[in-house]
């Protein structure tokens, strides 16, 4: 029997640059292996092999995907044994709490033939420089897109009835919690992304993440209609009542929240609008339409031309940013090829066995 697997991102390519939420998801871990290496795929291959091996043994897994490479993993968490293995290379910055007692660093660069890499020094420097520049262009495009998106929000904000929005939020809060209080002494809040801007476009794992939850609230609306504010208030109430909370940030603007999950209650509330628009397809799904309930009727029609113009410009910037991410991945692939030619995979295999053996000892 295979275990349950949850997929998400702990880092995103956003309008505010690379946004790192990795440490939030390592809360409560007793054993963390931090892999350090350069632009090769050995880190991800080790993680993939561990996921296949231990998932087939029935262990639950949290797979942390890479927003920069759709085929790579940035980490795996084994919640049942409080064990994790993560990519500690740039752009992640993991601050160790107890090196040796919790965190163990492992440098996969020991598998490289550095004399071969020296022969490619100029090419590596050039590719690294180009990749850095292109990634920054992607972030700049997303940042410009966010400014344009703010114009879209302004249209709806001036047509909002905020007292109705507050009333609706309070009603939803009461409906979710029904006066319930968790028996936990303190809530644990984890911050993540359910989706990300990647070289292959905007990807999300909403169906996987919400699988098994008994109640899903689909928040519909427009830009600026208070979806993120509603979600933050739900999360605050959950924290006040000592429930553990998963807070999923917006992959475009990480200061906004797109989804809140309270697994103890089997409940999910999420922003179900483009580019992660979903509709009810199972028992327990319910739509809450903020546009319908809180915005002046006819707003879409009154501002139709302006909305279309702003939306078109915003989407152009998003597409431009995605294209830059694809270009950055192409450069990274060239770097990987250089490092692959200088890698002794028997060393990588030995490191995998060492990691796997330590996990076996822990599970026994």
Protein backbone atom coordinates (compact mmCIF):
# COMPACT_ATOMS: atom_id res chain seq x y z
CA UNK A 1 0.00 0.00 0.00
CA UNK A 2 1.33 3.41 -0.96
CA UNK A 3 1.23 6.33 1.42
CA UNK A 4 -0.57 9.62 0.92
CA UNK A 5 1.45 12.25 -0.95
CA UNK A 6 0.90 16.01 -0.82
CA UNK A 7 2.57 18.17 -3.44
CA UNK A 8 3.35 21.87 -3.05
CA UNK A 9 6.00 24.57 -3.47
CA UNK A 10 8.10 26.14 -0.71
CA UNK A 11 9.64 28.77 -2.98
CA UNK A 12 8.15 30.84 -5.77
CA UNK A 13 9.08 33.12 -8.66
CA UNK A 14 6.99 36.14 -7.71
CA UNK A 15 6.54 39.84 -8.35
CA UNK A 16 8.73 40.35 -5.27
CA UNK A 17 11.54 38.11 -6.47
CA UNK A 18 12.21 34.58 -5.27
CA UNK A 19 10.11 34.05 -2.15
CA UNK A 20 11.44 31.45 0.29
CA UNK A 21 9.01 29.63 2.60
CA UNK A 22 11.08 26.47 3.08
CA UNK A 23 11.84 26.88 6.78
CA UNK A 24 8.18 27.22 7.70
CA UNK A 25 7.59 23.67 6.46
CA UNK A 26 10.48 22.23 8.48
CA UNK A 27 8.81 23.02 11.80
CA UNK A 28 8.85 20.09 14.18
CA UNK A 29 11.41 18.09 12.20
CA UNK A 30 13.88 16.11 14.31
CA UNK A 31 16.15 15.18 11.40
CA UNK A 32 16.89 17.39 8.39
CA UNK A 33 19.40 16.58 5.67
CA UNK A 34 20.38 19.71 3.76
CA UNK A 35 21.84 18.94 0.35
CA UNK A 36 24.29 21.41 -1.10
CA UNK A 37 25.58 21.35 -4.63
CA UNK A 38 25.76 23.30 -7.86
CA UNK A 39 23.62 23.28 -11.00
CA UNK A 40 23.28 19.52 -11.39
CA UNK A 41 20.23 17.32 -10.91
CA UNK A 42 21.78 14.92 -8.37
CA UNK A 43 19.87 16.49 -5.46
CA UNK A 44 16.53 15.97 -7.12
CA UNK A 45 17.39 12.43 -8.29
CA UNK A 46 18.22 11.38 -4.72
CA UNK A 47 14.92 12.83 -3.52
CA UNK A 48 12.93 11.19 -6.31
CA UNK A 49 14.44 7.80 -5.48
CA UNK A 50 13.66 8.23 -1.78
CA UNK A 51 10.07 9.23 -2.62
CA UNK A 52 9.56 6.17 -4.82
CA UNK A 53 11.10 3.81 -2.28
CA UNK A 54 9.35 5.06 0.84
CA UNK A 55 6.05 5.98 -0.77
CA UNK A 56 5.71 2.37 -1.95
CA UNK A 57 6.34 1.23 1.64
CA UNK A 58 3.25 3.11 2.77
CA UNK A 59 4.84 6.24 4.20
CA UNK A 60 3.09 9.59 3.84
CA UNK A 61 5.14 12.16 1.95
CA UNK A 62 5.19 15.87 1.36
CA UNK A 63 6.92 16.56 -1.94
CA UNK A 64 8.23 20.08 -2.39
CA UNK A 65 8.54 20.90 -6.07
CA UNK A 66 10.91 23.28 -7.81
CA UNK A 67 9.37 26.41 -9.33
CA UNK A 68 12.39 26.78 -11.62
CA UNK A 69 12.35 23.26 -13.06
CA UNK A 70 9.08 21.37 -13.43
CA UNK A 71 10.87 18.03 -13.29
CA UNK A 72 12.83 18.65 -10.08
CA UNK A 73 12.17 18.34 -6.35
CA UNK A 74 13.36 20.87 -3.78
CA UNK A 75 12.55 18.70 -0.80
CA UNK A 76 10.73 15.74 0.72
CA UNK A 77 9.21 15.60 4.19
CA UNK A 78 8.33 12.37 6.02
CA UNK A 79 5.83 13.72 8.61
CA UNK A 80 5.32 10.38 10.39
CA UNK A 81 8.97 10.21 11.46
CA UNK A 82 9.68 13.99 11.45
CA UNK A 83 12.45 13.60 8.87
CA UNK A 84 13.18 15.85 5.90
CA UNK A 85 15.63 16.18 3.05
CA UNK A 86 15.83 19.55 1.29
CA UNK A 87 17.83 21.56 -1.20
CA UNK A 88 19.91 24.03 0.76
CA UNK A 89 21.50 25.67 -2.26
CA UNK A 90 20.78 29.19 -3.53
CA UNK A 91 18.19 30.70 -3.68
CA UNK A 92 17.07 28.96 -0.47
CA UNK A 93 18.47 30.19 2.84
CA UNK A 94 17.92 27.68 5.64
CA UNK A 95 18.95 28.85 9.08
CA UNK A 96 19.99 25.79 11.13
CA UNK A 97 18.66 25.49 14.68
CA UNK A 98 20.93 22.72 15.97
CA UNK A 99 23.59 21.62 13.49
CA UNK A 100 24.45 17.98 14.00
CA UNK A 101 21.56 17.43 16.39
CA UNK A 102 18.86 18.26 13.84
CA UNK A 103 20.46 19.48 10.62
CA UNK A 104 23.09 17.56 8.71
CA UNK A 105 24.77 19.13 5.68
CA UNK A 106 25.76 16.95 2.75
CA UNK A 107 27.79 18.40 -0.13
CA UNK A 108 27.21 16.53 -3.39
CA UNK A 109 30.09 18.44 -4.92
CA UNK A 110 32.32 15.62 -3.65
CA UNK A 111 31.17 13.70 -6.74
CA UNK A 112 32.66 16.23 -9.16
CA UNK A 113 35.90 16.01 -11.06
CA UNK A 114 36.93 19.62 -10.47
CA UNK A 115 39.77 19.49 -12.99
CA UNK A 116 37.17 18.92 -15.71
CA UNK A 117 35.05 21.79 -14.40
CA UNK A 118 38.06 24.10 -14.44
CA UNK A 119 38.31 23.51 -18.18
CA UNK A 120 34.77 24.92 -18.49
CA UNK A 121 35.31 27.83 -16.12
CA UNK A 122 34.59 30.60 -18.62
CA UNK A 123 31.48 28.88 -19.95
CA UNK A 124 30.16 28.32 -16.41
CA UNK A 125 30.76 31.96 -15.44
CA UNK A 126 29.05 33.20 -18.62
CA UNK A 127 26.03 30.91 -18.21
CA UNK A 128 25.63 31.76 -14.52
CA UNK A 129 25.75 35.47 -15.31
CA UNK A 130 23.23 35.15 -18.14
CA UNK A 131 20.89 33.05 -16.01
CA UNK A 132 20.98 35.58 -13.17
CA UNK A 133 20.16 38.41 -15.57
CA UNK A 134 17.29 36.54 -17.22
CA UNK A 135 15.73 35.52 -13.90
CA UNK A 136 15.82 39.15 -12.80
CA UNK A 137 14.06 40.11 -16.04
CA UNK A 138 11.35 37.59 -15.15
CA UNK A 139 10.93 39.15 -11.70
CA UNK A 140 10.85 42.63 -13.25
CA UNK A 141 8.07 41.52 -15.62
CA UNK A 142 6.04 40.08 -12.75
CA UNK A 143 6.59 43.27 -10.75
CA UNK A 144 5.27 45.39 -13.63
CA UNK A 145 2.36 42.98 -13.92
CA UNK A 146 1.55 43.48 -10.23
CA UNK A 147 1.46 47.26 -10.68
CA UNK A 148 -0.97 46.83 -13.58
CA UNK A 149 -3.03 44.39 -11.51
CA UNK A 150 -3.32 47.08 -8.82
CA UNK A 151 -5.16 49.22 -11.39
CA UNK A 152 -7.64 46.39 -11.83
CA UNK A 153 -8.13 46.15 -8.07
CA UNK A 154 -8.82 49.89 -7.86
CA UNK A 155 -11.82 49.51 -10.16
CA UNK A 156 -13.52 47.02 -7.88
CA UNK A 157 -12.42 48.50 -4.55
CA UNK A 158 -14.33 51.73 -5.22
CA UNK A 159 -17.45 49.63 -5.95
CA UNK A 160 -17.10 47.43 -2.83
CA UNK A 161 -19.49 47.32 0.10
CA UNK A 162 -17.03 46.59 2.90
CA UNK A 163 -19.66 46.18 5.60
CA UNK A 164 -21.24 43.39 3.54
CA UNK A 165 -17.79 41.83 3.05
CA UNK A 166 -17.19 41.86 6.81
CA UNK A 167 -20.63 40.39 7.43
CA UNK A 168 -20.00 37.60 4.93
CA UNK A 169 -16.61 36.84 6.51
CA UNK A 170 -18.17 36.60 9.96
CA UNK A 171 -20.89 34.28 8.66
CA UNK A 172 -18.28 32.02 7.06
CA UNK A 173 -16.20 32.03 10.23
CA UNK A 174 -19.21 30.90 12.26
CA UNK A 175 -20.07 28.26 9.70
CA UNK A 176 -16.55 26.81 9.71
CA UNK A 177 -15.82 26.76 13.43
CA UNK A 178 -19.26 26.43 15.07
CA UNK A 179 -17.65 27.44 18.34
CA UNK A 180 -15.12 24.58 18.12
CA UNK A 181 -11.76 24.81 19.87
CA UNK A 182 -8.79 22.53 19.19
CA UNK A 183 -7.38 20.51 22.06
CA UNK A 184 -3.85 21.44 20.99
CA UNK A 185 -1.97 23.78 23.32
CA UNK A 186 -0.74 25.89 20.44
CA UNK A 187 -1.45 26.05 16.72
CA UNK A 188 1.23 25.35 14.12
CA UNK A 189 1.12 27.64 11.09
CA UNK A 190 2.83 26.49 7.89
CA UNK A 191 3.32 28.80 4.93
CA UNK A 192 3.47 27.39 1.39
CA UNK A 193 2.47 27.86 -2.24
CA UNK A 194 -0.08 25.57 -3.91
CA UNK A 195 1.09 26.86 -7.28
CA UNK A 196 3.89 28.75 -8.94
CA UNK A 197 5.00 30.52 -12.09
CA UNK A 198 7.27 27.98 -13.75
CA UNK A 199 9.07 27.60 -17.09
CA UNK A 200 6.01 25.66 -18.29
CA UNK A 201 3.52 28.26 -17.14
CA UNK A 202 1.43 28.61 -14.00
CA UNK A 203 1.07 25.21 -12.29
CA UNK A 204 -0.98 24.32 -9.22
CA UNK A 205 -1.58 21.24 -7.05
CA UNK A 206 -5.00 22.22 -5.65
CA UNK A 207 -6.79 18.89 -6.44
CA UNK A 208 -4.00 16.92 -4.75
CA UNK A 209 -3.68 19.21 -1.73
CA UNK A 210 -7.42 19.26 -1.07
CA UNK A 211 -7.98 15.55 -1.69
CA UNK A 212 -9.72 13.93 1.25
CA UNK A 213 -11.08 17.15 2.75
CA UNK A 214 -14.79 16.97 3.50
CA UNK A 215 -15.61 20.63 2.88
CA UNK A 216 -14.19 23.01 0.27
CA UNK A 217 -15.29 26.64 -0.03
CA UNK A 218 -14.60 28.08 -3.51
CA UNK A 219 -14.16 31.85 -3.14
CA UNK A 220 -15.14 33.62 -6.35
CA UNK A 221 -14.75 37.32 -7.05
CA UNK A 222 -12.65 39.90 -8.84
CA UNK A 223 -9.34 41.61 -8.13
CA UNK A 224 -9.61 43.70 -4.98
CA UNK A 225 -12.85 42.15 -3.71
CA UNK A 226 -11.30 40.98 -0.43
CA UNK A 227 -10.57 37.31 -1.09
CA UNK A 228 -7.15 37.42 0.59
CA UNK A 229 -8.49 39.49 3.50
CA UNK A 230 -11.24 36.93 4.08
CA UNK A 231 -8.72 34.08 4.02
CA UNK A 232 -6.40 35.83 6.47
CA UNK A 233 -9.28 36.33 8.89
CA UNK A 234 -10.21 32.64 8.67
CA UNK A 235 -6.57 31.73 9.41
CA UNK A 236 -6.46 34.13 12.37
CA UNK A 237 -9.59 32.59 13.88
CA UNK A 238 -8.14 29.09 13.41
CA UNK A 239 -4.93 30.15 15.15
CA UNK A 240 -6.87 31.74 18.02
CA UNK A 241 -8.71 28.44 18.45
CA UNK A 242 -5.39 26.51 18.42
CA UNK A 243 -5.98 24.67 15.14
CA UNK A 244 -3.01 23.88 12.91
CA UNK A 245 -3.22 25.90 9.72
CA UNK A 246 -1.75 25.58 6.24
CA UNK A 247 -1.55 29.02 4.63
CA UNK A 248 -0.93 29.02 0.89
CA UNK A 249 0.43 32.27 -0.45
CA UNK A 250 -0.28 33.74 -3.86
CA UNK A 251 2.43 32.68 -6.31
CA UNK A 252 2.21 36.10 -7.97
CA UNK A 253 1.95 38.40 -4.94
CA UNK A 254 3.22 36.46 -1.90
CA UNK A 255 1.82 39.05 0.52
CA UNK A 256 -1.63 37.78 -0.44
CA UNK A 257 -3.14 34.47 0.69
CA UNK A 258 -4.89 32.20 -1.80
CA UNK A 259 -5.85 29.23 0.36
CA UNK A 260 -6.28 28.20 3.99
CA UNK A 261 -6.59 24.58 5.09
CA UNK A 262 -7.60 23.37 8.55
CA UNK A 263 -7.11 19.62 8.24
CA UNK A 264 -8.35 18.88 11.75
CA UNK A 265 -11.75 20.14 10.61
CA UNK A 266 -11.42 18.75 7.07
CA UNK A 267 -11.94 22.26 5.68
CA UNK A 268 -10.39 24.24 2.83
CA UNK A 269 -11.16 27.81 1.78
CA UNK A 270 -9.47 29.02 -1.39
CA UNK A 271 -9.39 31.69 -4.07
CA UNK A 272 -10.92 29.89 -7.02
CA UNK A 273 -10.29 32.45 -9.75
CA UNK A 274 -8.00 32.62 -12.77
CA UNK A 275 -5.26 31.32 -13.06
CA UNK A 276 -6.39 28.67 -10.55
CA UNK A 277 -10.09 28.58 -11.26
CA UNK A 278 -11.97 25.47 -10.18
CA UNK A 279 -15.62 24.58 -9.77
CA UNK A 280 -17.45 22.24 -7.37
CA UNK A 281 -17.24 18.60 -8.43
CA UNK A 282 -17.90 16.62 -5.27
CA UNK A 283 -20.13 16.53 -2.23
CA UNK A 284 -19.28 19.24 0.28
CA UNK A 285 -18.10 21.81 -2.29
CA UNK A 286 -19.63 25.27 -1.98
CA UNK A 287 -19.18 28.54 -3.87
CA UNK A 288 -19.02 31.91 -2.12
CA UNK A 289 -19.20 34.73 -4.68
CA UNK A 290 -17.79 37.99 -3.32
CA UNK A 291 -18.49 39.86 -6.55
CA UNK A 292 -22.15 38.92 -6.41
CA UNK A 293 -22.54 39.68 -2.71
CA UNK A 294 -20.29 42.70 -2.10
CA UNK A 295 -19.78 44.64 -5.37
CA UNK A 296 -22.19 47.14 -6.92
CA UNK A 297 -24.33 45.39 -9.56
CA UNK A 298 -23.25 46.08 -13.14
CA UNK A 299 -19.63 46.96 -12.28
CA UNK A 300 -18.22 44.57 -14.91
CA UNK A 301 -20.40 46.15 -17.57
CA UNK A 302 -19.73 49.79 -16.60
CA UNK A 303 -15.96 49.35 -16.70
CA UNK A 304 -15.82 46.70 -19.43
CA UNK A 305 -13.42 48.50 -21.78
CA UNK A 306 -11.06 49.56 -18.99
CA UNK A 307 -11.10 46.07 -17.44
CA UNK A 308 -10.31 44.44 -20.78
CA UNK A 309 -7.40 46.84 -21.42
CA UNK A 310 -5.86 46.39 -17.96
CA UNK A 311 -6.31 42.60 -18.04
CA UNK A 312 -4.65 42.37 -21.46
CA UNK A 313 -1.61 44.38 -20.29
CA UNK A 314 -1.35 42.36 -17.08
CA UNK A 315 -1.44 39.03 -18.93
CA UNK A 316 1.18 40.25 -21.39
CA UNK A 317 3.58 40.92 -18.51
CA UNK A 318 2.86 37.52 -16.98
CA UNK A 319 3.51 35.78 -20.30
CA UNK A 320 6.72 37.77 -20.71
CA UNK A 321 7.88 36.65 -17.25
CA UNK A 322 7.13 33.00 -18.00
CA UNK A 323 9.15 33.26 -21.22
CA UNK A 324 12.11 34.58 -19.24
CA UNK A 325 11.79 31.65 -16.80
CA UNK A 326 11.92 29.27 -19.76
CA UNK A 327 15.03 31.04 -21.04
CA UNK A 328 16.61 30.75 -17.57
CA UNK A 329 15.85 27.03 -17.49
CA UNK A 330 17.47 26.57 -20.91
CA UNK A 331 20.62 28.22 -19.58
CA UNK A 332 20.44 26.09 -16.44
CA UNK A 333 20.15 22.95 -18.57
CA UNK A 334 23.38 23.92 -20.33
CA UNK A 335 25.05 24.30 -16.95
CA UNK A 336 23.71 20.92 -15.83
CA UNK A 337 25.17 19.25 -18.90
CA UNK A 338 28.62 20.61 -18.05
CA UNK A 339 28.38 19.34 -14.47
CA UNK A 340 26.97 15.96 -15.54
CA UNK A 341 30.08 15.26 -17.59
CA UNK A 342 32.18 15.90 -14.48
CA UNK A 343 30.05 13.84 -12.04
CA UNK A 344 31.00 10.43 -10.67
CA UNK A 345 27.57 8.85 -10.19
CA UNK A 346 28.96 6.04 -8.08
CA UNK A 347 29.65 8.69 -5.41
CA UNK A 348 26.05 9.91 -5.73
CA UNK A 349 24.83 6.32 -5.36
CA UNK A 350 26.94 5.91 -2.21
CA UNK A 351 25.52 9.11 -0.76
CA UNK A 352 21.99 7.92 -1.53
CA UNK A 353 22.65 4.62 0.26
CA UNK A 354 24.01 6.48 3.27
CA UNK A 355 20.89 8.66 3.41
CA UNK A 356 18.56 5.73 2.87
CA UNK A 357 20.29 3.67 5.57
CA UNK A 358 19.93 6.49 8.10
CA UNK A 359 16.22 6.70 7.28
CA UNK A 360 15.83 2.93 7.62
CA UNK A 361 17.45 3.04 11.06
CA UNK A 362 15.09 5.80 12.10
CA UNK A 363 11.95 4.03 10.89
CA UNK A 364 12.96 0.78 12.61
